[in-house]
Amino acid sequence: MKIKIVVHRDLCQSVATCVAVAPNTYKLDDEFKAVVTSSDAKKQGNDYSYSLDVDASKLEDIISGAKACPYKAIEVTDEKTGKKLFPVK
């Protein structure tokens, strides 16, 4: 499955719960903002966007890390369908 992860850097408050829950996916950068460890970022305004091919296990890890963020600074979307996987409204 191909997904897109967007980290809204203006929402990220450096709490690092995403890192605590999913350390193989997220880390904090030099500005203490969340980034994805295994992919190059594309800058979109103040946000960083990542495109990844993942299996079900990796997807669960990615979404768990995103859910752990108290500021909802991470969103995950299925690139093929455009369906938002997190946060779900």
C-alpha atoms as a PDB file:
ATOM      1  CA  MET A   1       0.000   0.000   0.000  1.00  0.00           C
ATOM      2  CA  LYS A   2       1.278   3.458  -0.847  1.00  0.00           C
ATOM      3  CA  ILE A   3       0.581   6.096   1.785  1.00  0.00           C
ATOM      4  CA  LYS A   4       1.277   9.765   2.316  1.00  0.00           C
ATOM      5  CA  ILE A   5       2.266  11.089   5.733  1.00  0.00           C
ATOM      6  CA  VAL A   6       2.047  14.812   6.373  1.00  0.00           C
ATOM      7  CA  VAL A   7       3.689  16.320   9.445  1.00  0.00           C
ATOM      8  CA  HIS A   8       2.168  19.714  10.235  1.00  0.00           C
ATOM      9  CA  ARG A   9       5.200  21.373  11.767  1.00  0.00           C
ATOM     10  CA  ASP A  10       3.238  24.346  13.105  1.00  0.00           C
ATOM     11  CA  LEU A  11       1.140  21.886  15.165  1.00  0.00           C
ATOM     12  CA  CYS A  12       4.074  19.762  16.368  1.00  0.00           C
ATOM     13  CA  GLN A  13       5.003  20.763  19.923  1.00  0.00           C
ATOM     14  CA  SER A  14       8.015  18.431  20.318  1.00  0.00           C
ATOM     15  CA  VAL A  15       6.218  16.171  22.779  1.00  0.00           C
ATOM     16  CA  ALA A  16       7.727  13.121  21.002  1.00  0.00           C
ATOM     17  CA  THR A  17       4.914  10.708  21.807  1.00  0.00           C
ATOM     18  CA  CYS A  18       5.018   9.653  18.151  1.00  0.00           C
ATOM     19  CA  VAL A  19       8.686   8.728  18.675  1.00  0.00           C
ATOM     20  CA  ALA A  20       7.934   6.875  21.925  1.00  0.00           C
ATOM     21  CA  VAL A  21       5.158   4.809  20.313  1.00  0.00           C
ATOM     22  CA  ALA A  22       6.734   4.283  16.878  1.00  0.00           C
ATOM     23  CA  PRO A  23      10.516   4.837  17.080  1.00  0.00           C
ATOM     24  CA  ASN A  24      11.123   2.941  13.837  1.00  0.00           C
ATOM     25  CA  THR A  25       8.932   5.458  11.996  1.00  0.00           C
ATOM     26  CA  TYR A  26       9.343   8.840  13.690  1.00  0.00           C
ATOM     27  CA  LYS A  27      12.179  10.879  15.190  1.00  0.00           C
ATOM     28  CA  LEU A  28      12.737  14.515  16.125  1.00  0.00           C
ATOM     29  CA  ASP A  29      14.915  16.642  13.848  1.00  0.00           C
ATOM     30  CA  ASP A  30      17.359  19.424  14.766  1.00  0.00           C
ATOM     31  CA  GLU A  31      14.416  21.771  15.419  1.00  0.00           C
ATOM     32  CA  PHE A  32      12.794  19.153  17.704  1.00  0.00           C
ATOM     33  CA  LYS A  33       9.954  18.604  15.230  1.00  0.00           C
ATOM     34  CA  ALA A  34       8.676  15.181  14.128  1.00  0.00           C
ATOM     35  CA  VAL A  35      10.011  13.694  10.897  1.00  0.00           C
ATOM     36  CA  VAL A  36       9.692  10.285   9.261  1.00  0.00           C
ATOM     37  CA  THR A  37      12.889   8.254   9.557  1.00  0.00           C
ATOM     38  CA  SER A  38      12.768   6.190   6.364  1.00  0.00           C
ATOM     39  CA  SER A  39      11.853   8.691   3.684  1.00  0.00           C
ATOM     40  CA  ASP A  40      12.880  12.008   2.206  1.00  0.00           C
ATOM     41  CA  ALA A  41      10.544  14.896   2.908  1.00  0.00           C
ATOM     42  CA  LYS A  42       8.889  17.151   0.393  1.00  0.00           C
ATOM     43  CA  LYS A  43       8.298  20.564   1.854  1.00  0.00           C
ATOM     44  CA  GLN A  44       4.777  21.951   1.370  1.00  0.00           C
ATOM     45  CA  GLY A  45       4.676  25.390   2.954  1.00  0.00           C
ATOM     46  CA  ASN A  46       5.518  24.747   6.608  1.00  0.00           C
ATOM     47  CA  ASP A  47       4.545  21.055   6.400  1.00  0.00           C
ATOM     48  CA  TYR A  48       6.628  18.021   5.428  1.00  0.00           C
ATOM     49  CA  SER A  49       5.133  15.328   3.214  1.00  0.00           C
ATOM     50  CA  TYR A  50       6.379  11.747   2.864  1.00  0.00           C
ATOM     51  CA  SER A  51       5.374   9.034   0.409  1.00  0.00           C
ATOM     52  CA  LEU A  52       5.945   5.429   1.531  1.00  0.00           C
ATOM     53  CA  ASP A  53       5.170   1.889   0.407  1.00  0.00           C
ATOM     54  CA  VAL A  54       4.124  -0.060   3.497  1.00  0.00           C
ATOM     55  CA  ASP A  55       2.715  -3.409   4.554  1.00  0.00           C
ATOM     56  CA  ALA A  56      -0.074  -3.833   7.111  1.00  0.00           C
ATOM     57  CA  SER A  57       2.331  -4.100  10.060  1.00  0.00           C
ATOM     58  CA  LYS A  58       4.213  -0.922   9.144  1.00  0.00           C
ATOM     59  CA  LEU A  59       0.926   0.918   8.512  1.00  0.00           C
ATOM     60  CA  GLU A  60      -0.277  -0.006  12.002  1.00  0.00           C
ATOM     61  CA  ASP A  61       2.968   1.388  13.472  1.00  0.00           C
ATOM     62  CA  ILE A  62       2.641   4.628  11.475  1.00  0.00           C
ATOM     63  CA  ILE A  63      -0.968   5.187  12.521  1.00  0.00           C
ATOM     64  CA  SER A  64      -0.244   4.322  16.174  1.00  0.00           C
ATOM     65  CA  GLY A  65       2.475   6.982  16.233  1.00  0.00           C
ATOM     66  CA  ALA A  66       0.163   9.519  14.609  1.00  0.00           C
ATOM     67  CA  LYS A  67      -2.610   8.731  17.118  1.00  0.00           C
ATOM     68  CA  ALA A  68      -0.178   9.260  19.993  1.00  0.00           C
ATOM     69  CA  CYS A  69       0.311  12.919  19.057  1.00  0.00           C
ATOM     70  CA  PRO A  70      -1.843  15.039  21.389  1.00  0.00           C
ATOM     71  CA  TYR A  71      -1.833  17.882  18.822  1.00  0.00           C
ATOM     72  CA  LYS A  72      -2.831  15.756  15.809  1.00  0.00           C
ATOM     73  CA  ALA A  73       0.203  17.062  13.914  1.00  0.00           C
ATOM     74  CA  ILE A  74       0.488  13.912  11.771  1.00  0.00           C
ATOM     75  CA  GLU A  75      -1.971  12.843   9.107  1.00  0.00           C
ATOM     76  CA  VAL A  76      -1.908   9.631   7.088  1.00  0.00           C
ATOM     77  CA  THR A  77      -3.633   9.165   3.716  1.00  0.00           C
ATOM     78  CA  ASP A  78      -3.971   6.249   1.284  1.00  0.00           C
ATOM     79  CA  GLU A  79      -2.370   7.682  -1.867  1.00  0.00           C
ATOM     80  CA  LYS A  80      -4.304   5.409  -4.237  1.00  0.00           C
ATOM     81  CA  THR A  81      -7.794   6.224  -2.963  1.00  0.00           C
ATOM     82  CA  GLY A  82      -7.163   9.585  -1.277  1.00  0.00           C
ATOM     83  CA  LYS A  83      -8.897   8.230   1.842  1.00  0.00           C
ATOM     84  CA  LYS A  84      -7.644   9.776   5.067  1.00  0.00           C
ATOM     85  CA  LEU A  85      -6.594   6.974   7.416  1.00  0.00           C
ATOM     86  CA  PHE A  86      -5.807   9.292  10.337  1.00  0.00           C
ATOM     87  CA  PRO A  87      -7.261  11.458  11.671  1.00  0.00           C
ATOM     88  CA  VAL A  88     -10.645  10.133  10.618  1.00  0.00           C
ATOM     89  CA  LYS A  89     -13.545  12.542  10.928  1.00  0.00           C
END
